[in-house]
Amino acid sequence: MIHSMTAFARESDTTDEGVLTVELRSVNHRYLDCSFKLPDSLRALEPALREQAGKALARGKLDCLIRLQGHSSQHVELQVNSEQLDKLLAATRAVSEKMPSLAAPTALEILQFPGICTAVQGSEEELQKAAAALFARTLEELRETRRREGRKLAALVLDRLQQVEAAVADTRKLLPALLQHQHDRIVARIEELNAEIDSNRLEQELVHLAQKADVDEELDRLEAHVEEVRHTLEKGGPCGRRLDFLMQELNREANTLSSKSIASSTTQNAVGLKVLIEQMREQIQNIE
């Protein structure tokens, strides 16, 4: 299975602390690079999330954003510290005995005194468990998106491979007639000049010229590289770097074919090959 490195996924879940949202975005990169933006209550979770991402993904720049939005109508449970309250009341009575003119503190003022009233917070451990589970679900969605995109990329590359094979076959079919035409043209030109030419020397030069224009080896290597690209796509897995290397090899052979061209038809085929190879290379940049 071929995976793209470009994808996006978002999942949300409701917890006791509020609505938890995980967003994952990945783009192409030479290696795996993970970046996390987490609320303070989930900072301790980052190493585990990074390890989980490393097991699921081979390459790509991954940006992870986790948000926690508290419930708008959330009821916070208040808890009164009875022991601390007794000590505060005893202190206020002692002050009132010495200064009877002072007004007694109100209930609200007593509750605002440090240590008297606290809000009961939810379990941070439970929140981290929920975030880890939601991250795993979002990561799987991201992988599925990368798989779907990878299938499209593979189909595009395979389509261009067929066109490359057709161009190679067409060039191979043209070569014998082109070489014979070149041979006949040179011989006719010499006859027009009515010059005395050593036939053996002429034959050697024609053979040498034919060898310089021979591109059978380049065509054979192009076919071999095309077959290797197809085999790599069928094998699947993280193969983007290998495919990129094969594109370089294909381009090298196409450049050599262009430099040896002896007719406009083969030149056009060589240019067409380079266009197809560049189109494949652009798609392969996104393959994991």
Protein backbone atom coordinates (compact mmCIF):
# COMPACT_ATOMS: atom_id res chain seq x y z
CA MET A 1 0.00 0.00 0.00
CA ILE A 2 1.33 3.42 -1.01
CA HIS A 3 0.81 6.27 1.49
CA SER A 4 0.83 9.98 0.79
CA MET A 5 2.52 12.31 3.25
CA THR A 6 -0.16 15.00 2.81
CA ALA A 7 -3.33 14.61 4.91
CA PHE A 8 -5.54 16.17 7.59
CA ALA A 9 -7.69 14.65 10.34
CA ARG A 10 -9.80 16.03 13.18
CA GLU A 11 -11.70 14.22 15.96
CA SER A 12 -13.58 15.50 19.03
CA ASP A 13 -14.86 13.88 22.21
CA THR A 14 -16.76 15.08 25.28
CA THR A 15 -15.13 14.56 28.66
CA ASP A 16 -15.97 15.64 32.21
CA GLU A 17 -13.53 18.53 31.78
CA GLY A 18 -14.98 19.75 28.49
CA VAL A 19 -14.82 19.11 24.75
CA LEU A 20 -11.48 17.63 23.69
CA THR A 21 -10.40 18.15 20.06
CA VAL A 22 -7.38 16.67 18.26
CA GLU A 23 -6.22 18.05 14.90
CA LEU A 24 -3.46 16.35 12.88
CA ARG A 25 -1.95 17.83 9.73
CA SER A 26 0.91 16.27 7.76
CA VAL A 27 2.87 17.42 4.70
CA ASN A 28 5.83 16.01 2.82
CA HIS A 29 9.24 16.00 4.52
CA ARG A 30 12.54 14.17 4.17
CA TYR A 31 12.00 12.38 7.48
CA LEU A 32 9.44 12.25 10.30
CA ASP A 33 9.21 15.57 12.16
CA CYS A 34 6.49 15.90 14.84
CA SER A 35 5.33 19.16 16.43
CA PHE A 36 2.82 19.28 19.34
CA LYS A 37 0.70 22.08 20.78
CA LEU A 38 -1.00 20.84 23.97
CA PRO A 39 -2.82 22.42 26.93
CA ASP A 40 -0.83 22.52 30.17
CA SER A 41 -2.83 19.65 31.67
CA LEU A 42 -1.66 17.36 28.82
CA ARG A 43 2.01 18.38 28.55
CA ALA A 44 3.14 15.17 30.25
CA LEU A 45 1.47 13.20 27.47
CA GLU A 46 3.73 14.49 24.66
CA PRO A 47 6.48 11.79 24.79
CA ALA A 48 3.88 9.01 24.56
CA LEU A 49 2.08 10.74 21.67
CA ARG A 50 5.38 11.28 19.84
CA GLU A 51 6.25 7.60 20.22
CA GLN A 52 2.81 6.57 18.97
CA ALA A 53 3.17 8.79 15.89
CA GLY A 54 6.62 7.34 15.19
CA LYS A 55 5.18 3.83 15.10
CA ALA A 56 2.36 4.81 12.74
CA LEU A 57 4.19 7.10 10.30
CA ALA A 58 7.53 6.75 8.50
CA ARG A 59 7.98 10.20 6.93
CA GLY A 60 6.33 13.61 6.86
CA LYS A 61 6.05 16.77 8.94
CA LEU A 62 3.26 16.17 11.46
CA ASP A 63 1.59 19.06 13.34
CA CYS A 64 -0.61 18.06 16.28
CA LEU A 65 -2.97 20.50 18.01
CA ILE A 66 -5.04 19.42 21.04
CA ARG A 67 -7.63 21.82 22.48
CA LEU A 68 -9.77 21.54 25.62
CA GLN A 69 -12.88 23.71 25.69
CA GLY A 70 -14.68 23.78 29.03
CA HIS A 71 -18.44 23.26 29.17
CA SER A 72 -20.33 26.58 29.12
CA SER A 73 -22.86 25.25 31.65
CA GLN A 74 -20.43 23.18 33.63
CA HIS A 75 -21.26 23.05 37.38
CA VAL A 76 -18.18 23.24 39.57
CA GLU A 77 -18.46 21.50 42.94
CA LEU A 78 -17.24 23.65 45.83
CA GLN A 79 -15.75 22.03 48.91
CA VAL A 80 -15.39 23.77 52.31
CA ASN A 81 -12.40 22.97 54.50
CA SER A 82 -14.17 22.54 57.87
CA GLU A 83 -10.99 22.41 59.91
CA GLN A 84 -9.67 25.61 58.38
CA LEU A 85 -13.09 27.25 58.79
CA ASP A 86 -13.17 26.45 62.54
CA LYS A 87 -9.74 28.02 62.98
CA LEU A 88 -10.83 31.14 61.06
CA LEU A 89 -14.04 31.52 63.13
CA ALA A 90 -12.07 31.13 66.35
CA ALA A 91 -9.70 33.84 65.20
CA THR A 92 -12.53 36.20 64.30
CA ARG A 93 -14.14 35.70 67.75
CA ALA A 94 -10.84 36.47 69.43
CA VAL A 95 -10.55 39.68 67.43
CA SER A 96 -14.20 40.66 68.18
CA GLU A 97 -13.63 40.26 71.93
CA LYS A 98 -10.75 42.72 71.84
CA MET A 99 -12.35 45.04 69.24
CA PRO A 100 -16.17 44.77 69.68
CA SER A 101 -16.77 47.80 67.43
CA LEU A 102 -15.63 45.89 64.34
CA ALA A 103 -18.34 44.46 62.10
CA ALA A 104 -18.48 40.68 61.86
CA PRO A 105 -17.26 39.24 58.51
CA THR A 106 -19.92 38.08 56.06
CA ALA A 107 -20.22 34.50 54.88
CA LEU A 108 -18.95 35.49 51.41
CA GLU A 109 -15.87 37.16 52.91
CA ILE A 110 -15.15 34.02 54.91
CA LEU A 111 -15.47 31.82 51.83
CA GLN A 112 -12.99 34.07 49.97
CA PHE A 113 -10.35 33.58 52.64
CA PRO A 114 -7.47 31.40 51.32
CA GLY A 115 -7.86 27.70 52.09
CA ILE A 116 -11.54 27.85 53.14
CA CYS A 117 -13.25 26.97 49.86
CA THR A 118 -11.80 25.03 46.92
CA ALA A 119 -13.26 23.87 43.59
CA VAL A 120 -13.09 20.13 43.08
CA GLN A 121 -11.20 19.50 39.81
CA GLY A 122 -11.64 16.46 37.59
CA SER A 123 -9.00 13.79 37.43
CA GLU A 124 -6.03 14.85 35.28
CA GLU A 125 -5.17 11.18 34.77
CA GLU A 126 -8.62 10.48 33.31
CA LEU A 127 -8.28 13.48 31.02
CA GLN A 128 -4.92 12.23 29.74
CA LYS A 129 -6.38 8.77 29.08
CA ALA A 130 -9.20 10.32 27.08
CA ALA A 131 -6.74 12.50 25.12
CA ALA A 132 -4.49 9.50 24.35
CA ALA A 133 -7.45 7.47 23.07
CA LEU A 134 -8.70 10.37 20.96
CA PHE A 135 -5.21 10.93 19.53
CA ALA A 136 -5.00 7.26 18.53
CA ARG A 137 -8.36 7.49 16.76
CA THR A 138 -7.37 10.68 14.95
CA LEU A 139 -4.01 9.19 13.96
CA GLU A 140 -5.76 6.20 12.39
CA GLU A 141 -8.03 8.56 10.47
CA LEU A 142 -4.94 10.43 9.26
CA ARG A 143 -3.34 7.15 8.13
CA GLU A 144 -6.51 6.21 6.25
CA THR A 145 -6.50 9.58 4.50
CA ARG A 146 -2.84 9.09 3.60
CA ARG A 147 -3.71 5.64 2.23
CA ARG A 148 -6.49 7.05 0.03
CA GLU A 149 -4.25 9.83 -1.26
CA GLY A 150 -1.48 7.29 -1.81
CA ARG A 151 -3.71 5.19 -4.05
CA LYS A 152 -4.41 8.26 -6.20
CA LEU A 153 -0.70 9.09 -6.43
CA ALA A 154 0.16 5.51 -7.40
CA ALA A 155 -2.53 5.55 -10.11
CA LEU A 156 -1.11 8.79 -11.54
CA VAL A 157 2.42 7.40 -11.60
CA LEU A 158 1.28 4.14 -13.22
CA ASP A 159 -0.54 6.10 -15.91
CA ARG A 160 2.63 8.07 -16.71
CA LEU A 161 4.65 4.84 -16.73
CA GLN A 162 2.42 3.46 -19.48
CA GLN A 163 3.01 6.61 -21.52
CA VAL A 164 6.78 6.29 -20.97
CA GLU A 165 6.67 2.69 -22.19
CA ALA A 166 4.71 3.75 -25.28
CA ALA A 167 7.26 6.51 -26.06
CA VAL A 168 10.17 4.07 -25.63
CA ALA A 169 8.49 1.50 -27.91
CA ASP A 170 7.77 4.20 -30.53
CA THR A 171 11.40 5.40 -30.46
CA ARG A 172 12.70 1.85 -30.79
CA LYS A 173 10.43 1.29 -33.80
CA LEU A 174 11.69 4.47 -35.52
CA LEU A 175 15.42 3.84 -35.09
CA PRO A 176 16.16 1.33 -37.94
CA ALA A 177 14.53 3.54 -40.57
CA LEU A 178 16.23 6.67 -39.18
CA LEU A 179 19.67 5.06 -39.22
CA GLN A 180 19.13 3.78 -42.77
CA HIS A 181 17.91 7.21 -43.87
CA GLN A 182 21.02 8.83 -42.39
CA HIS A 183 23.25 6.28 -44.14
CA ASP A 184 21.58 6.86 -47.50
CA ARG A 185 21.71 10.62 -47.13
CA ILE A 186 25.46 10.64 -46.45
CA VAL A 187 26.19 8.32 -49.38
CA ALA A 188 24.02 10.41 -51.71
CA ARG A 189 25.79 13.57 -50.60
CA ILE A 190 29.21 12.05 -51.36
CA GLU A 191 28.00 10.98 -54.80
CA GLU A 192 26.79 14.53 -55.49
CA LEU A 193 30.26 15.84 -54.67
CA ASN A 194 31.72 13.33 -57.14
CA ALA A 195 34.69 12.89 -54.84
CA GLU A 196 36.91 9.87 -54.61
CA ILE A 197 36.43 8.29 -51.19
CA ASP A 198 38.06 5.20 -49.81
CA SER A 199 35.13 2.78 -49.50
CA ASN A 200 36.64 1.07 -46.45
CA ARG A 201 37.16 4.41 -44.72
CA LEU A 202 33.62 5.46 -45.63
CA GLU A 203 32.22 2.28 -44.20
CA GLN A 204 34.17 2.75 -40.96
CA GLU A 205 32.89 6.31 -40.59
CA LEU A 206 29.32 5.21 -41.22
CA VAL A 207 29.65 2.45 -38.63
CA HIS A 208 31.10 4.93 -36.15
CA LEU A 209 28.29 7.37 -36.82
CA ALA A 210 25.70 4.64 -36.38
CA GLN A 211 27.28 3.64 -33.07
CA LYS A 212 27.12 7.24 -31.81
CA ALA A 213 23.42 7.39 -32.71
CA ASP A 214 22.62 3.96 -31.26
CA VAL A 215 20.37 4.33 -28.23
CA ASP A 216 19.39 0.69 -27.71
CA GLU A 217 21.16 0.62 -24.34
CA GLU A 218 19.37 3.76 -23.18
CA LEU A 219 16.02 2.36 -24.26
CA ASP A 220 16.77 -0.94 -22.50
CA ARG A 221 17.65 0.91 -19.29
CA LEU A 222 14.53 3.06 -19.53
CA GLU A 223 12.41 -0.09 -19.79
CA ALA A 224 14.27 -1.66 -16.85
CA HIS A 225 13.75 1.44 -14.67
CA VAL A 226 10.06 1.57 -15.59
CA GLU A 227 9.68 -2.05 -14.53
CA GLU A 228 11.47 -1.34 -11.24
CA VAL A 229 9.19 1.63 -10.52
CA ARG A 230 6.15 -0.56 -11.15
CA HIS A 231 7.57 -3.31 -8.92
CA THR A 232 8.27 -0.78 -6.14
CA LEU A 233 4.71 0.56 -6.30
CA GLU A 234 3.29 -2.97 -6.14
CA LYS A 235 5.49 -3.81 -3.16
CA GLY A 236 4.27 -0.72 -1.30
CA GLY A 237 5.45 0.51 2.08
CA PRO A 238 7.59 3.63 2.67
CA CYS A 239 9.20 3.79 -0.79
CA GLY A 240 9.22 7.50 -1.67
CA ARG A 241 13.00 7.87 -1.49
CA ARG A 242 13.59 4.84 -3.72
CA LEU A 243 11.06 6.10 -6.25
CA ASP A 244 12.74 9.51 -6.25
CA PHE A 245 16.09 7.85 -6.99
CA LEU A 246 14.52 5.91 -9.88
CA MET A 247 13.15 9.17 -11.30
CA GLN A 248 16.71 10.52 -11.36
CA GLU A 249 17.86 7.43 -13.26
CA LEU A 250 14.99 7.73 -15.75
CA ASN A 251 15.79 11.39 -16.30
CA ARG A 252 19.46 10.61 -16.90
CA GLU A 253 18.59 8.11 -19.65
CA ALA A 254 16.10 10.53 -21.20
CA ASN A 255 18.80 13.24 -21.33
CA THR A 256 21.23 10.84 -23.03
CA LEU A 257 18.52 9.84 -25.51
CA SER A 258 17.95 13.51 -26.33
CA SER A 259 21.68 14.19 -26.84
CA LYS A 260 21.96 11.25 -29.29
CA SER A 261 18.87 12.20 -31.26
CA ILE A 262 19.32 12.26 -35.06
CA ALA A 263 15.80 13.34 -36.04
CA SER A 264 13.05 15.66 -34.85
CA SER A 265 10.77 12.69 -34.11
CA THR A 266 13.19 11.13 -31.63
CA THR A 267 13.93 14.58 -30.15
CA GLN A 268 10.22 15.10 -29.54
CA ASN A 269 9.98 11.66 -27.94
CA ALA A 270 12.90 12.45 -25.64
CA VAL A 271 11.34 15.78 -24.63
CA GLY A 272 8.02 14.02 -24.02
CA LEU A 273 9.78 11.48 -21.83
CA LYS A 274 11.35 14.19 -19.70
CA VAL A 275 7.96 15.87 -19.26
CA LEU A 276 6.40 12.59 -18.13
CA ILE A 277 9.28 11.87 -15.74
CA GLU A 278 8.98 15.35 -14.21
CA GLN A 279 5.23 14.83 -13.72
CA MET A 280 5.94 11.56 -11.91
CA ARG A 281 8.65 13.14 -9.80
CA GLU A 282 6.27 15.89 -8.62
CA GLN A 283 3.76 13.27 -7.46
CA ILE A 284 6.43 11.09 -5.86
CA GLN A 285 7.56 14.00 -3.67
CA ASN A 286 4.38 13.38 -1.64
CA ILE A 287 4.80 9.61 -1.29
CA GLU A 288 5.91 8.38 2.14
